[in-house]
Amino acid sequence: MAKLDTCYAIIDAASEPDIFTMLEELDPPASCLYSEPIQPEIAELAPYLVEATPEVRKWLSQRDTPWGIYVYTQATMRELRQHLRKYLMVMIPGQDKPVFWRYYDPRNVWDVLSTFDNWRLHTFLGPIKKLETQLWGEHEESDFELERRRYPESVKQSGKLMKFTASQYADIEGVFERQFIRRISYFFLNARVSIIDEDESFCLDEWIVKAFERPPLNSVKLDQYYSDQSQVISWEMAYALVNFCQANGIHDKHSYMLLCYILITYRIYRFEDVPEDWKSSLASEVGSGDYRVSKLASDVLFEIPSFSN
């Protein structure tokens, strides 16, 4: 009889601080991925490997945080932990020392892995047979059978840190940039449609926080709820806004949120409709990018939003 895969959860304590209460109450097999001894302040932010018992899965299904990912394997917990620890730090271009890699972030894992060639993906997964995420009502899983079929199951892992070349890292940076544009596009998409449809339940302050915190709907759901024209208009607006901000030294999330708030408040859905004096003010060489955005907000808004959750 074939051995069944065991499901484990990699839980990020930085995203899900209630993990310690869960571990105490349910007492599942668990281990921190960081090596001991661990300073208390580090342990509070560390990733933990936890056997996903039915009780643990039920508990995780009720969480509303990007807590982590599920992995399936026939390896022992000790073997899996040893494998996963190899990727906690990686080398990236422009850095002399390794940097932390939160590969267990469910918001990014699929897009980042999509940049890997088949061999890198195969060696990264190692003894992992399947990967699964459950995040904000979106479920995704894959055994990567097509990508891994050419390679033997048993692969001798290098003891060296994973290193990203300039090209590979540029691909990953491109993933995050597209994610960010999609998030802003989704903000404009839902805000525009809600305002046009006079949706009384729509609250701009609440929506902007949610839109910047959570990933947008997948393409299938977007097509169900929004027209192609609305999606194109919103994407073009988001793309132009991000390019403009990057060209003018505006990079922080709060500034983007504030700009989006201003634009929707004034019902501006196309970048060419942004007043030229606003663009000139934002492109000024006086002050930092966030200062220029804040100044524009104080000039054109009656009240500055706090964007609190």
Protein backbone atom coordinates (compact mmCIF):
# COMPACT_ATOMS: atom_id res chain seq x y z
CA MET A 1 0.00 0.00 0.00
CA ALA A 2 1.40 3.38 -1.04
CA LYS A 3 2.34 5.74 1.74
CA LEU A 4 -0.02 8.69 2.03
CA ASP A 5 1.23 12.27 1.93
CA THR A 6 1.19 14.23 5.18
CA CYS A 7 -0.02 17.83 5.07
CA TYR A 8 1.93 20.49 6.92
CA ALA A 9 1.25 24.19 7.32
CA ILE A 10 4.03 26.75 7.21
CA ILE A 11 2.59 29.48 9.43
CA ASP A 12 4.10 32.96 9.56
CA ALA A 13 3.84 34.28 13.11
CA ALA A 14 4.44 37.80 11.80
CA SER A 15 1.16 37.56 9.88
CA GLU A 16 -0.72 35.32 12.31
CA PRO A 17 0.30 36.18 15.91
CA ASP A 18 -2.46 33.97 17.36
CA ILE A 19 -0.48 30.91 16.29
CA PHE A 20 0.98 30.58 19.80
CA THR A 21 -2.47 30.32 21.36
CA MET A 22 -3.41 27.69 18.79
CA LEU A 23 -0.24 25.66 19.42
CA GLU A 24 -0.89 25.73 23.14
CA GLU A 25 -4.54 24.71 22.84
CA LEU A 26 -4.31 22.09 20.05
CA ASP A 27 -0.75 20.90 20.69
CA PRO A 28 -0.02 19.62 17.15
CA PRO A 29 3.50 18.51 16.13
CA ALA A 30 5.27 21.78 15.39
CA SER A 31 8.72 23.28 15.05
CA CYS A 32 10.12 26.73 14.37
CA LEU A 33 12.00 26.91 11.08
CA TYR A 34 14.64 29.14 12.63
CA SER A 35 17.51 27.43 14.41
CA GLU A 36 17.79 27.54 18.18
CA PRO A 37 18.45 29.40 20.35
CA ILE A 38 15.87 31.96 19.21
CA GLN A 39 15.51 35.37 20.81
CA PRO A 40 11.91 35.96 22.03
CA GLU A 41 11.44 38.98 19.77
CA ILE A 42 12.55 36.88 16.78
CA ALA A 43 10.39 33.91 17.73
CA GLU A 44 7.33 36.15 17.65
CA LEU A 45 7.94 36.85 13.94
CA ALA A 46 9.30 33.48 12.82
CA PRO A 47 7.79 30.87 10.46
CA TYR A 48 6.61 27.60 12.04
CA LEU A 49 6.19 24.16 10.51
CA VAL A 50 3.00 22.62 11.91
CA GLU A 51 1.37 19.29 11.09
CA ALA A 52 -1.98 20.19 9.58
CA THR A 53 -4.24 17.98 11.66
CA PRO A 54 -8.01 18.34 11.08
CA GLU A 55 -8.15 20.64 14.11
CA VAL A 56 -5.33 22.82 12.80
CA ARG A 57 -6.92 23.04 9.34
CA LYS A 58 -10.24 24.03 10.87
CA TRP A 59 -8.50 26.72 12.93
CA LEU A 60 -6.61 28.06 9.90
CA SER A 61 -9.78 28.11 7.79
CA GLN A 62 -11.21 30.65 10.21
CA ARG A 63 -8.25 33.03 10.01
CA ASP A 64 -8.49 36.19 7.96
CA THR A 65 -4.74 36.74 7.61
CA PRO A 66 -2.13 35.75 4.98
CA TRP A 67 -0.87 33.16 7.48
CA GLY A 68 1.12 30.95 5.08
CA ILE A 69 0.88 27.85 2.89
CA TYR A 70 0.15 24.12 3.02
CA VAL A 71 2.67 21.59 1.74
CA TYR A 72 2.21 17.84 1.24
CA THR A 73 5.05 15.36 1.58
CA GLN A 74 6.01 11.79 2.41
CA ALA A 75 9.15 13.00 4.15
CA THR A 76 9.37 13.09 7.90
CA MET A 77 8.80 16.37 9.65
CA ARG A 78 12.49 16.54 10.49
CA GLU A 79 13.48 15.98 6.84
CA LEU A 80 10.97 18.55 5.61
CA ARG A 81 12.15 21.13 8.15
CA GLN A 82 15.75 20.55 7.11
CA HIS A 83 14.82 21.12 3.48
CA LEU A 84 12.71 24.23 4.10
CA ARG A 85 15.40 25.85 6.22
CA LYS A 86 17.71 25.99 3.19
CA TYR A 87 15.57 28.69 1.60
CA LEU A 88 15.02 31.01 4.55
CA MET A 89 17.87 33.16 3.24
CA VAL A 90 18.98 33.76 -0.34
CA MET A 91 21.53 35.82 -2.22
CA ILE A 92 20.26 38.63 -4.45
CA PRO A 93 22.10 41.04 -6.77
CA GLY A 94 23.59 44.10 -5.09
CA GLN A 95 23.78 42.50 -1.64
CA ASP A 96 26.97 41.13 -0.10
CA LYS A 97 25.10 39.24 2.61
CA PRO A 98 22.11 36.87 2.43
CA VAL A 99 18.62 38.33 2.83
CA PHE A 100 15.52 36.75 4.33
CA TRP A 101 13.09 35.17 1.86
CA ARG A 102 9.48 34.72 2.95
CA TYR A 103 8.70 32.06 0.35
CA TYR A 104 5.70 30.98 2.45
CA ASP A 105 3.77 34.24 1.82
CA PRO A 106 0.54 33.08 0.09
CA ARG A 107 0.09 36.47 -1.56
CA ASN A 108 3.23 36.00 -3.64
CA VAL A 109 4.20 32.34 -3.75
CA TRP A 110 2.48 31.38 -7.00
CA ASP A 111 3.68 34.41 -8.96
CA VAL A 112 7.25 34.05 -7.69
CA LEU A 113 7.40 30.32 -8.49
CA SER A 114 6.10 31.10 -11.98
CA THR A 115 9.43 32.86 -12.68
CA PHE A 116 11.45 29.70 -11.87
CA ASP A 117 12.64 27.39 -14.62
CA ASN A 118 11.62 23.75 -14.17
CA TRP A 119 14.89 22.62 -12.60
CA ARG A 120 14.97 25.42 -10.04
CA LEU A 121 11.33 24.74 -9.20
CA HIS A 122 12.01 21.02 -8.82
CA THR A 123 14.97 21.50 -6.50
CA PHE A 124 13.15 24.16 -4.48
CA LEU A 125 10.19 21.85 -3.89
CA GLY A 126 12.41 18.87 -3.10
CA PRO A 127 10.33 16.38 -1.06
CA ILE A 128 7.19 18.51 -1.35
CA LYS A 129 4.60 16.71 -3.49
CA LYS A 130 1.96 19.45 -3.58
CA LEU A 131 1.57 23.06 -2.53
CA GLU A 132 -1.75 24.65 -1.54
CA THR A 133 -2.98 28.07 -0.45
CA GLN A 134 -6.27 29.20 1.04
CA LEU A 135 -6.43 32.98 1.13
CA TRP A 136 -9.44 35.27 1.45
CA GLY A 137 -11.81 32.87 -0.25
CA GLU A 138 -9.35 31.96 -3.02
CA HIS A 139 -8.08 28.39 -3.19
CA GLU A 140 -5.14 27.27 -5.30
CA GLU A 141 -3.08 24.09 -5.39
CA SER A 142 -0.62 22.32 -7.68
CA ASP A 143 1.56 19.23 -7.73
CA PHE A 144 3.64 20.74 -10.58
CA GLU A 145 3.53 17.36 -12.31
CA LEU A 146 4.27 18.72 -15.79
CA GLU A 147 7.19 20.84 -14.60
CA ARG A 148 8.77 18.00 -12.57
CA ARG A 149 8.18 14.92 -14.71
CA ARG A 150 11.62 15.05 -16.37
CA TYR A 151 13.52 14.95 -13.11
CA PRO A 152 14.14 12.18 -10.56
CA GLU A 153 12.24 12.39 -7.29
CA SER A 154 15.41 12.06 -5.25
CA VAL A 155 17.63 15.05 -5.92
CA LYS A 156 20.76 15.78 -3.96
CA GLN A 157 20.37 19.29 -2.64
CA SER A 158 23.28 21.71 -2.73
CA GLY A 159 24.37 23.06 0.62
CA LYS A 160 24.82 26.51 -0.89
CA LEU A 161 22.33 29.31 -0.54
CA MET A 162 19.96 29.83 -3.44
CA LYS A 163 21.34 32.65 -5.54
CA PHE A 164 19.32 34.84 -7.90
CA THR A 165 21.05 36.26 -10.94
CA ALA A 166 20.30 39.82 -12.03
CA SER A 167 17.96 38.48 -14.71
CA GLN A 168 16.14 36.14 -12.33
CA TYR A 169 15.74 38.84 -9.71
CA ALA A 170 14.48 41.28 -12.34
CA ASP A 171 11.78 38.73 -13.21
CA ILE A 172 10.71 38.58 -9.57
CA GLU A 173 10.71 42.37 -9.25
CA GLY A 174 8.55 42.44 -12.37
CA VAL A 175 6.11 40.08 -10.64
CA PHE A 176 5.75 42.42 -7.68
CA GLU A 177 5.34 45.45 -9.95
CA ARG A 178 2.56 43.73 -11.91
CA GLN A 179 0.93 42.69 -8.64
CA PHE A 180 0.97 46.29 -7.46
CA ILE A 181 -0.48 47.61 -10.71
CA ARG A 182 -3.20 44.93 -10.59
CA ARG A 183 -4.04 45.95 -7.03
CA ILE A 184 -4.39 49.62 -7.99
CA SER A 185 -6.31 48.66 -11.12
CA TYR A 186 -8.75 46.66 -9.02
CA PHE A 187 -9.15 49.61 -6.68
CA PHE A 188 -10.15 51.89 -9.57
CA LEU A 189 -12.30 49.19 -11.15
CA ASN A 190 -14.50 48.55 -8.16
CA ALA A 191 -14.61 52.19 -7.07
CA ARG A 192 -15.60 53.40 -10.54
CA VAL A 193 -18.32 50.78 -11.01
CA SER A 194 -19.68 51.28 -7.48
CA ILE A 195 -19.91 55.05 -7.95
CA ILE A 196 -21.49 54.78 -11.41
CA ASP A 197 -24.00 52.23 -10.10
CA GLU A 198 -24.64 54.43 -7.04
CA ASP A 199 -23.90 51.57 -4.67
CA GLU A 200 -24.93 52.91 -1.26
CA SER A 201 -22.83 50.31 0.56
CA PHE A 202 -19.61 51.56 -1.05
CA CYS A 203 -17.28 53.37 1.36
CA LEU A 204 -14.14 54.83 -0.22
CA ASP A 205 -12.14 54.92 3.02
CA GLU A 206 -12.80 51.24 3.72
CA TRP A 207 -12.33 50.13 0.12
CA ILE A 208 -8.95 51.74 -0.33
CA VAL A 209 -7.56 49.97 2.75
CA LYS A 210 -8.94 46.63 1.62
CA ALA A 211 -7.79 47.04 -1.98
CA PHE A 212 -4.21 47.80 -0.98
CA GLU A 213 -4.09 45.02 1.60
CA ARG A 214 -5.56 42.15 -0.40
CA PRO A 215 -4.88 40.83 -3.89
CA PRO A 216 -7.51 41.46 -6.56
CA LEU A 217 -9.94 38.84 -7.78
CA ASN A 218 -8.62 36.33 -10.28
CA SER A 219 -9.30 36.93 -13.97
CA VAL A 220 -12.28 34.54 -14.06
CA LYS A 221 -14.10 36.37 -11.30
CA LEU A 222 -13.20 39.76 -12.75
CA ASP A 223 -14.80 38.74 -16.03
CA GLN A 224 -17.92 37.66 -14.13
CA TYR A 225 -18.39 40.97 -12.36
CA TYR A 226 -16.89 43.63 -14.64
CA SER A 227 -17.01 44.44 -18.35
CA ASP A 228 -13.92 44.28 -20.52
CA GLN A 229 -14.12 48.03 -21.11
CA SER A 230 -14.19 48.80 -17.39
CA GLN A 231 -11.20 46.53 -16.81
CA VAL A 232 -9.21 48.18 -19.61
CA ILE A 233 -9.97 51.71 -18.36
CA SER A 234 -8.89 50.81 -14.82
CA TRP A 235 -5.74 48.99 -15.92
CA GLU A 236 -4.64 51.91 -18.13
CA MET A 237 -5.23 54.33 -15.25
CA ALA A 238 -3.25 52.20 -12.80
CA TYR A 239 -0.41 51.60 -15.25
CA ALA A 240 -0.07 55.32 -16.07
CA LEU A 241 -0.25 56.32 -12.41
CA VAL A 242 2.48 53.89 -11.33
CA ASN A 243 4.76 54.95 -14.20
CA PHE A 244 4.24 58.62 -13.34
CA CYS A 245 4.95 58.04 -9.65
CA GLN A 246 8.06 55.99 -10.30
CA ALA A 247 9.40 58.66 -12.65
CA ASN A 248 8.90 61.32 -9.98
CA GLY A 249 10.25 59.62 -6.87
CA ILE A 250 6.91 58.64 -5.34
CA HIS A 251 7.25 55.11 -3.98
CA ASP A 252 5.60 54.62 -0.59
CA LYS A 253 2.26 52.86 -0.22
CA HIS A 254 0.62 55.66 1.76
CA SER A 255 1.30 58.14 -1.04
CA TYR A 256 -0.29 55.79 -3.59
CA MET A 257 -3.32 55.33 -1.35
CA LEU A 258 -3.65 59.08 -0.93
CA LEU A 259 -3.38 59.71 -4.68
CA CYS A 260 -5.97 57.06 -5.44
CA TYR A 261 -8.26 58.57 -2.83
CA ILE A 262 -7.89 62.03 -4.39
CA LEU A 263 -8.54 60.78 -7.92
CA ILE A 264 -11.69 58.86 -6.99
CA THR A 265 -12.95 61.72 -4.83
CA TYR A 266 -12.77 63.93 -7.93
CA ARG A 267 -14.19 61.15 -10.17
CA ILE A 268 -11.03 61.02 -12.30
CA TYR A 269 -10.81 57.63 -14.01
CA ARG A 270 -8.32 58.36 -16.82
CA PHE A 271 -4.82 59.66 -16.26
CA GLU A 272 -5.10 62.19 -19.10
CA ASP A 273 -7.90 63.84 -17.10
CA VAL A 274 -5.65 64.55 -14.12
CA PRO A 275 -5.27 68.38 -13.91
CA GLU A 276 -1.94 69.58 -15.25
CA ASP A 277 -1.29 71.70 -12.18
CA TRP A 278 -1.62 68.57 -10.03
CA LYS A 279 0.92 66.76 -12.21
CA SER A 280 3.28 69.74 -12.06
CA SER A 281 3.01 69.89 -8.28
CA LEU A 282 3.72 66.17 -7.93
CA ALA A 283 6.64 66.35 -10.39
CA SER A 284 8.23 69.30 -8.60
CA GLU A 285 11.79 68.95 -7.34
CA VAL A 286 10.82 70.59 -4.07
CA GLY A 287 10.55 68.12 -1.22
CA SER A 288 10.31 64.33 -1.14
CA GLY A 289 7.69 62.36 -3.03
CA ASP A 290 5.53 61.74 0.03
CA TYR A 291 5.73 65.42 0.96
CA ARG A 292 4.49 66.48 -2.49
CA VAL A 293 1.59 64.02 -2.33
CA SER A 294 0.64 65.17 1.17
CA LYS A 295 0.78 68.80 0.08
CA LEU A 296 -1.50 68.12 -2.88
CA ALA A 297 -3.92 66.30 -0.58
CA SER A 298 -4.02 69.24 1.84
CA ASP A 299 -4.67 71.60 -1.08
CA VAL A 300 -7.50 69.67 -2.75
CA LEU A 301 -9.19 67.67 0.01
CA PHE A 302 -11.49 69.00 2.71
CA GLU A 303 -10.32 66.28 5.09
CA ILE A 304 -7.27 64.02 4.93
CA PRO A 305 -8.19 60.33 5.39
CA SER A 306 -6.31 58.28 8.00
CA PHE A 307 -6.67 54.90 6.22
CA SER A 308 -6.95 53.07 9.53
CA ASN A 309 -8.17 49.45 9.53
